[in-house]
Amino acid sequence: MILPHVASRYLDQAQPGGAFHGLEPVSPETVAKVASEHRNISVGYLAFIAQIGIGSCETLNIYLPHPVEDLVDHQSYKLYRTRSHLSLFPRRPVERFPLGAVCIADCGASWRYCFGPNLGTQIYTFDLADGVLAPTHASFEMLIDEGLPSAQLASS
């Protein structure tokens, strides 16, 4: 699989002292496996994990895709469904997961950044509290740019 080069602003941030320093690029075999398992996944995401990597950086935890349905075992998901939480916040959480959506990043809060059920380029946020999948970014690159220092974005 031939992937485009990621933007130089990302490569610059992968250097020591940069926002992405410490992320670990994944192997070409892993990228190929992700691409084959998720046929319509963003090429920008694939290029990023291949050339910059996955792991924890200043603003995001970036990881290999996993189904949104796996979050049913997440501690926060369970907490939002406890009797005590629902007595304080009586809204009824949605109990249906958007089948086909895959999580690819989070910022440590109670939501996950995902590609939607049809994958493609748009990023959605899945809220563990209410189970809603909502569009947030037009692309993976826009999600990443949001976490970069503004001076770095202005120079690219």
Protein backbone atom coordinates (compact mmCIF):
# COMPACT_ATOMS: atom_id res chain seq x y z
CA MET A 1 0.00 0.00 0.00
CA ILE A 2 1.40 3.38 -0.99
CA LEU A 3 0.50 6.11 1.49
CA PRO A 4 0.90 9.86 1.02
CA HIS A 5 3.52 11.66 3.07
CA VAL A 6 2.15 13.33 6.16
CA ALA A 7 2.41 17.11 6.39
CA SER A 8 5.80 18.46 7.40
CA ARG A 9 4.20 20.13 10.44
CA TYR A 10 3.49 16.65 11.81
CA LEU A 11 6.99 15.38 11.09
CA ASP A 12 8.43 18.47 12.81
CA GLN A 13 6.29 17.75 15.88
CA ALA A 14 7.60 14.17 16.00
CA GLN A 15 11.10 15.48 16.77
CA PRO A 16 12.36 15.75 20.39
CA GLY A 17 10.41 18.45 22.18
CA GLY A 18 7.53 18.27 19.70
CA ALA A 19 3.91 17.45 20.47
CA PHE A 20 4.19 14.01 18.85
CA HIS A 21 7.60 13.03 20.20
CA GLY A 22 7.23 9.62 21.79
CA LEU A 23 4.60 8.27 19.43
CA GLU A 24 5.70 4.98 17.88
CA PRO A 25 5.17 4.34 14.16
CA VAL A 26 3.41 1.07 13.40
CA SER A 27 4.83 -1.52 11.03
CA PRO A 28 3.84 -1.65 7.36
CA GLU A 29 2.22 -5.01 8.12
CA THR A 30 0.06 -3.46 10.82
CA VAL A 31 -0.97 -0.60 8.52
CA ALA A 32 -1.89 -3.12 5.82
CA LYS A 33 -3.91 -5.14 8.35
CA VAL A 34 -5.80 -2.04 9.53
CA ALA A 35 -6.47 -1.04 5.91
CA SER A 36 -7.79 -4.50 5.04
CA GLU A 37 -9.97 -4.79 8.16
CA HIS A 38 -11.37 -1.26 7.73
CA ARG A 39 -11.58 -0.82 3.97
CA ASN A 40 -12.81 2.79 3.91
CA ILE A 41 -10.65 4.13 6.75
CA SER A 42 -8.98 7.50 6.22
CA VAL A 43 -5.72 7.36 4.28
CA GLY A 44 -4.60 10.38 6.34
CA TYR A 45 -5.00 8.34 9.51
CA LEU A 46 -3.10 5.40 8.00
CA ALA A 47 -0.26 7.68 6.87
CA PHE A 48 -0.10 9.28 10.32
CA ILE A 49 0.14 6.02 12.27
CA ALA A 50 2.72 4.69 9.78
CA GLN A 51 4.95 7.76 9.74
CA ILE A 52 4.32 9.43 13.12
CA GLY A 53 2.81 6.68 15.23
CA ILE A 54 0.43 5.73 17.98
CA GLY A 55 0.61 6.26 21.73
CA SER A 56 0.14 9.20 24.08
CA CYS A 57 1.13 12.74 23.17
CA GLU A 58 0.42 16.14 24.71
CA THR A 59 -3.24 16.35 23.74
CA LEU A 60 -4.34 12.91 22.52
CA ASN A 61 -4.00 9.20 22.94
CA ILE A 62 -3.87 7.78 19.41
CA TYR A 63 -4.33 4.07 18.89
CA LEU A 64 -5.22 1.34 16.43
CA PRO A 65 -8.94 1.13 15.61
CA HIS A 66 -11.24 -0.87 17.82
CA PRO A 67 -15.02 -1.21 17.64
CA VAL A 68 -17.11 1.28 19.61
CA GLU A 69 -19.03 -1.71 20.97
CA ASP A 70 -15.92 -2.64 23.01
CA LEU A 71 -16.62 0.39 25.22
CA VAL A 72 -19.43 -1.48 26.96
CA ASP A 73 -16.71 -2.81 29.29
CA HIS A 74 -15.16 0.63 29.91
CA GLN A 75 -15.33 1.79 33.53
CA SER A 76 -16.77 5.21 32.61
CA TYR A 77 -19.47 3.67 30.44
CA LYS A 78 -20.51 1.46 33.35
CA LEU A 79 -20.35 4.34 35.85
CA TYR A 80 -22.74 6.47 33.80
CA ARG A 81 -25.28 3.65 34.01
CA THR A 82 -25.19 3.12 37.77
CA ARG A 83 -28.32 3.75 39.80
CA SER A 84 -26.57 6.49 41.82
CA HIS A 85 -25.41 8.38 38.72
CA LEU A 86 -28.83 8.13 37.10
CA SER A 87 -30.47 9.41 40.31
CA LEU A 88 -28.29 12.55 40.11
CA PHE A 89 -28.53 12.93 36.34
CA PRO A 90 -31.83 11.39 35.29
CA ARG A 91 -31.36 11.51 31.52
CA ARG A 92 -31.63 8.09 30.01
CA PRO A 93 -28.48 7.08 28.15
CA VAL A 94 -28.80 5.64 24.69
CA GLU A 95 -28.11 1.91 24.85
CA ARG A 96 -27.45 1.23 21.19
CA PHE A 97 -23.93 1.41 19.85
CA PRO A 98 -23.37 2.68 16.32
CA LEU A 99 -22.33 -0.57 14.64
CA GLY A 100 -19.30 -0.23 12.42
CA ALA A 101 -17.86 2.86 14.12
CA VAL A 102 -14.27 2.48 15.32
CA CYS A 103 -12.42 4.39 18.03
CA ILE A 104 -9.00 5.76 17.08
CA ALA A 105 -8.18 8.39 19.73
CA ASP A 106 -9.21 10.04 22.98
CA CYS A 107 -8.11 12.93 25.14
CA GLY A 108 -8.64 11.14 28.44
CA ALA A 109 -12.18 12.44 28.94
CA SER A 110 -15.45 10.53 28.64
CA TRP A 111 -15.56 10.58 24.87
CA ARG A 112 -13.72 8.83 22.10
CA TYR A 113 -12.81 10.09 18.66
CA CYS A 114 -14.06 7.69 16.02
CA PHE A 115 -14.52 7.10 12.36
CA GLY A 116 -18.22 6.63 11.74
CA PRO A 117 -19.98 3.49 10.60
CA ASN A 118 -19.14 4.17 6.96
CA LEU A 119 -15.57 5.11 7.99
CA GLY A 120 -14.38 7.65 5.41
CA THR A 121 -12.62 10.79 6.56
CA GLN A 122 -15.00 12.48 9.02
CA ILE A 123 -14.28 12.20 12.75
CA TYR A 124 -17.07 11.67 15.25
CA THR A 125 -17.12 11.87 19.01
CA PHE A 126 -18.68 8.99 20.93
CA ASP A 127 -19.81 10.17 24.36
CA LEU A 128 -19.59 7.43 26.99
CA ALA A 129 -22.21 9.20 29.10
CA ASP A 130 -25.06 9.25 26.63
CA GLY A 131 -23.94 6.88 23.89
CA VAL A 132 -24.28 9.45 21.13
CA LEU A 133 -22.03 9.51 18.07
CA ALA A 134 -21.78 13.11 16.80
CA PRO A 135 -19.67 14.60 13.98
CA THR A 136 -16.87 16.87 15.25
CA HIS A 137 -14.09 17.17 12.64
CA ALA A 138 -14.12 16.96 8.86
CA SER A 139 -10.95 14.86 8.89
CA PHE A 140 -8.34 13.16 11.05
CA GLU A 141 -5.93 15.92 10.09
CA MET A 142 -8.29 18.55 11.53
CA LEU A 143 -8.43 16.63 14.81
CA ILE A 144 -4.63 16.47 14.92
CA ASP A 145 -4.24 20.15 13.96
CA GLU A 146 -6.48 21.13 16.86
CA GLY A 147 -3.85 19.79 19.25
CA LEU A 148 -0.84 21.47 17.66
CA PRO A 149 0.57 24.74 18.97
CA SER A 150 -0.98 27.59 16.96
CA ALA A 151 2.47 28.93 15.98
CA GLN A 152 3.23 25.60 14.29
CA LEU A 153 0.00 25.73 12.28
CA ALA A 154 0.64 29.31 11.16
CA SER A 155 4.05 28.40 9.75
CA SER A 156 2.81 25.48 7.62
